[in-house]
């Protein structure tokens, strides 16, 4: 089934939201907004595969393009603009998706997940049940001293970090001391052998990838159900 498409008005334009509804028989009272990374839109295979797989497992999933991506610009907007766009999608989700009015999770891939953490830290009172972070960009590649963690103590919601062991934006071992200081204590799931997009290396990588992807999707759904 193709996702439902809805346009959202923003201050300087509009963007498109895609809603992947869970099958009625599998549906659970939870929705997840999943934002894309800096260089790939919501129609990128990674985003589409994740949205379809999670919705098939019972979670209503919403994806969207940040405004710069919708307008065809290559350079991402600054964080305040990303957050404003994300908030507009949250408002739409509560209107259009019944499960989002019960339990709404937010998150995303790389930059999209980082933006979600800023949404939560900027508004402690917002009804956000938890945050799903797929490849959190803890620091730029090759610059481990430039941490993007100062705002994380203000999130104060359950968080799931899914991180590849070869992630050049921050390995699980780099994340652990950061997460240890947060409350509630986040969950960290390591994808052994995975890079920033959880891709495997080696001659058997292609045959192993489907099971790795399924492991990630199962982990996300199990975590959401347990929050």
Protein backbone atom coordinates (compact mmCIF):
# COMPACT_ATOMS: atom_id res chain seq x y z
CA UNK A 1 0.00 0.00 0.00
CA UNK A 2 1.29 3.45 -0.93
CA UNK A 3 1.63 5.98 1.89
CA UNK A 4 -0.85 8.82 2.21
CA UNK A 5 0.62 12.19 1.23
CA UNK A 6 -0.27 15.47 2.97
CA UNK A 7 1.14 18.96 2.45
CA UNK A 8 2.10 21.02 5.50
CA UNK A 9 2.34 24.81 5.42
CA UNK A 10 5.47 26.34 6.94
CA UNK A 11 6.56 29.92 7.47
CA UNK A 12 8.62 30.03 4.28
CA UNK A 13 6.92 27.41 2.16
CA UNK A 14 5.43 23.97 2.52
CA UNK A 15 6.61 20.40 2.78
CA UNK A 16 5.25 16.93 2.21
CA UNK A 17 4.43 14.35 4.87
CA UNK A 18 3.99 10.67 4.02
CA UNK A 19 1.90 8.51 6.36
CA UNK A 20 2.55 4.76 6.39
CA UNK A 21 -0.41 3.27 8.24
CA UNK A 22 -0.01 -0.02 10.07
CA UNK A 23 -2.29 -2.87 8.94
CA UNK A 24 -5.38 -3.01 11.12
CA UNK A 25 -4.62 -6.51 12.37
CA UNK A 26 -1.11 -5.53 13.47
CA UNK A 27 -1.75 -1.97 14.62
CA UNK A 28 -0.52 -0.85 18.03
CA UNK A 29 -1.42 2.43 19.77
CA UNK A 30 1.78 4.22 18.77
CA UNK A 31 3.06 6.45 15.99
CA UNK A 32 6.64 7.33 15.02
CA UNK A 33 7.76 10.39 13.09
CA UNK A 34 11.00 9.54 11.30
CA UNK A 35 13.05 12.42 9.86
CA UNK A 36 15.65 12.00 7.13
CA UNK A 37 19.38 12.66 7.31
CA UNK A 38 21.23 15.65 5.87
CA UNK A 39 21.81 14.33 2.36
CA UNK A 40 18.91 12.01 1.56
CA UNK A 41 15.16 12.81 1.33
CA UNK A 42 12.24 10.85 2.71
CA UNK A 43 11.99 8.91 -0.59
CA UNK A 44 15.52 7.54 -0.14
CA UNK A 45 15.51 3.71 0.00
CA UNK A 46 16.75 3.74 3.61
CA UNK A 47 13.80 5.86 4.73
CA UNK A 48 11.21 4.04 2.66
CA UNK A 49 12.43 0.61 3.78
CA UNK A 50 12.41 1.64 7.44
CA UNK A 51 8.97 3.24 7.24
CA UNK A 52 7.43 0.24 5.48
CA UNK A 53 9.07 -2.32 7.77
CA UNK A 54 8.05 -0.53 10.96
CA UNK A 55 4.49 0.02 9.78
CA UNK A 56 4.21 -3.66 8.83
CA UNK A 57 5.23 -4.42 12.42
CA UNK A 58 2.32 -2.38 13.77
CA UNK A 59 3.63 1.18 14.17
CA UNK A 60 2.10 4.07 12.22
CA UNK A 61 5.06 5.88 10.64
CA UNK A 62 5.26 9.41 9.30
CA UNK A 63 8.16 10.71 7.22
CA UNK A 64 8.69 14.19 5.81
CA UNK A 65 11.17 16.41 4.03
CA UNK A 66 12.79 19.28 5.84
CA UNK A 67 12.11 22.49 3.93
CA UNK A 68 15.57 22.77 2.34
CA UNK A 69 15.20 19.27 0.93
CA UNK A 70 11.66 19.90 -0.29
CA UNK A 71 12.89 23.01 -2.10
CA UNK A 72 15.82 21.20 -3.69
CA UNK A 73 18.55 22.97 -1.76
CA UNK A 74 21.68 21.00 -0.86
CA UNK A 75 22.70 22.79 2.33
CA UNK A 76 20.55 21.93 5.38
CA UNK A 77 18.69 24.65 7.22
CA UNK A 78 20.00 25.75 10.60
CA UNK A 79 18.74 23.86 13.63
CA UNK A 80 16.00 26.39 14.59
CA UNK A 81 14.46 26.01 11.12
CA UNK A 82 14.74 22.21 11.26
CA UNK A 83 13.03 22.23 14.66
CA UNK A 84 10.24 24.52 13.46
CA UNK A 85 9.55 22.20 10.53
CA UNK A 86 9.58 19.17 12.82
CA UNK A 87 7.09 20.83 15.18
CA UNK A 88 4.72 21.52 12.29
CA UNK A 89 4.80 17.82 11.40
CA UNK A 90 4.10 16.88 15.03
CA UNK A 91 1.05 19.15 15.01
CA UNK A 92 -0.20 17.52 11.81
CA UNK A 93 0.42 14.03 13.18
CA UNK A 94 -1.83 14.66 16.17
CA UNK A 95 -4.63 15.73 13.83
CA UNK A 96 -4.27 13.10 11.11
CA UNK A 97 -3.12 9.97 12.97
CA UNK A 98 -5.17 8.62 15.87
CA UNK A 99 -2.30 6.65 17.38
CA UNK A 100 -0.22 9.84 17.54
CA UNK A 101 -2.76 11.23 19.98
CA UNK A 102 -2.17 8.22 22.23
CA UNK A 103 1.61 7.65 22.09
CA UNK A 104 3.82 9.72 19.81
CA UNK A 105 7.48 8.89 19.29
CA UNK A 106 9.82 11.07 17.27
CA UNK A 107 13.26 10.49 15.82
CA UNK A 108 15.14 10.02 12.63
CA UNK A 109 18.25 9.10 10.73
CA UNK A 110 21.41 11.01 11.67
CA UNK A 111 20.61 14.75 11.41
CA UNK A 112 16.88 14.02 11.55
CA UNK A 113 17.32 12.27 14.87
CA UNK A 114 19.48 15.09 16.17
CA UNK A 115 16.73 17.56 15.26
CA UNK A 116 14.22 15.41 17.14
CA UNK A 117 16.33 15.61 20.30
CA UNK A 118 16.34 19.40 20.00
CA UNK A 119 12.55 19.40 19.60
CA UNK A 120 12.28 17.50 22.88
CA UNK A 121 14.91 19.46 24.80
CA UNK A 122 13.41 22.79 23.70
CA UNK A 123 9.96 21.84 25.03
CA UNK A 124 10.05 19.67 28.17
CA UNK A 125 6.24 19.76 28.44
CA UNK A 126 5.56 18.39 24.95
CA UNK A 127 3.71 15.06 24.90
CA UNK A 128 6.49 12.97 23.38
CA UNK A 129 6.68 9.36 24.55
CA UNK A 130 10.23 8.70 23.41
CA UNK A 131 12.86 9.24 20.75
CA UNK A 132 14.31 6.77 18.22
CA UNK A 133 17.78 7.68 16.94
CA UNK A 134 19.17 5.77 13.96
CA UNK A 135 22.86 6.61 13.70
CA UNK A 136 23.11 9.61 16.01
CA UNK A 137 25.73 12.08 14.68
CA UNK A 138 27.65 12.57 17.92
CA UNK A 139 30.44 14.40 16.10
CA UNK A 140 31.57 15.14 12.53
CA UNK A 141 33.74 12.39 11.01
CA UNK A 142 37.35 12.81 12.08
CA UNK A 143 36.50 15.42 14.74
CA UNK A 144 35.71 13.46 17.92
CA UNK A 145 36.28 16.55 20.04
CA UNK A 146 33.35 18.42 18.42
CA UNK A 147 30.58 16.70 20.37
CA UNK A 148 26.91 17.41 19.69
CA UNK A 149 25.68 16.45 23.13
CA UNK A 150 25.24 19.65 25.17
CA UNK A 151 21.45 19.66 24.78
CA UNK A 152 20.88 15.96 25.47
CA UNK A 153 20.42 16.31 29.28
CA UNK A 154 17.39 18.47 28.53
CA UNK A 155 15.60 15.78 26.52
CA UNK A 156 14.37 13.94 29.62
CA UNK A 157 12.49 11.25 27.71
CA UNK A 158 13.26 7.62 26.96
CA UNK A 159 15.69 7.38 24.05
CA UNK A 160 16.82 4.49 21.86
CA UNK A 161 20.18 4.89 20.13
CA UNK A 162 20.81 2.41 17.30
CA UNK A 163 24.46 2.80 16.36
CA UNK A 164 26.77 0.93 13.99
CA UNK A 165 30.04 -0.23 15.50
CA UNK A 166 31.88 1.37 12.53
CA UNK A 167 29.95 4.66 12.58
CA UNK A 168 32.36 7.47 11.69
CA UNK A 169 29.97 9.99 13.30
CA UNK A 170 30.37 8.29 16.67
CA UNK A 171 30.86 4.69 17.72
CA UNK A 172 28.90 3.01 20.51
CA UNK A 173 31.98 3.24 22.73
CA UNK A 174 32.06 7.00 22.18
CA UNK A 175 28.36 7.27 22.94
CA UNK A 176 28.41 5.26 26.16
CA UNK A 177 29.97 7.90 28.48
CA UNK A 178 27.61 10.54 27.08
CA UNK A 179 24.52 8.39 27.63
CA UNK A 180 25.61 7.32 31.12
CA UNK A 181 25.03 10.85 32.39
CA UNK A 182 21.47 11.15 31.06
CA UNK A 183 18.18 10.55 32.84
CA UNK A 184 16.28 8.43 32.11
CA UNK A 185 19.16 6.21 31.03
CA UNK A 186 18.90 5.71 27.24
CA UNK A 187 18.96 2.32 25.55
CA UNK A 188 21.92 1.69 23.24
CA UNK A 189 21.66 -1.01 20.57
CA UNK A 190 24.90 -1.76 18.73
CA UNK A 191 24.79 -2.97 15.14
CA UNK A 192 27.98 -5.01 14.99
CA UNK A 193 29.89 -4.29 11.80
CA UNK A 194 27.51 -1.55 10.71
CA UNK A 195 28.56 1.85 9.42
CA UNK A 196 26.62 5.14 9.76
CA UNK A 197 23.81 3.64 7.67
CA UNK A 198 24.21 0.17 9.24
CA UNK A 199 25.78 -1.26 6.08
CA UNK A 200 28.00 -4.29 6.52
CA UNK A 201 31.47 -4.76 5.06
CA UNK A 202 33.07 -7.89 3.66
CA UNK A 203 32.32 -10.47 1.00
CA UNK A 204 29.17 -11.73 2.71
CA UNK A 205 27.78 -8.26 3.42
CA UNK A 206 25.04 -8.45 0.80
CA UNK A 207 23.66 -11.72 2.11
CA UNK A 208 23.83 -10.59 5.75
CA UNK A 209 22.20 -7.19 5.24
CA UNK A 210 18.53 -8.27 5.25
CA UNK A 211 18.88 -9.97 8.63
CA UNK A 212 20.71 -6.94 10.04
CA UNK A 213 17.95 -4.64 8.84
CA UNK A 214 15.27 -6.89 10.35
CA UNK A 215 17.17 -6.90 13.64
CA UNK A 216 17.07 -3.09 13.68
CA UNK A 217 13.37 -2.88 12.91
CA UNK A 218 12.52 -5.53 15.51
CA UNK A 219 14.62 -3.69 18.08
CA UNK A 220 12.81 -0.41 17.44
CA UNK A 221 9.35 -1.95 17.70
CA UNK A 222 10.23 -3.96 20.81
CA UNK A 223 11.58 -0.81 22.46
CA UNK A 224 8.52 1.26 21.56
CA UNK A 225 6.23 -1.44 22.91
CA UNK A 226 8.20 -1.51 26.15
CA UNK A 227 8.15 2.22 26.85
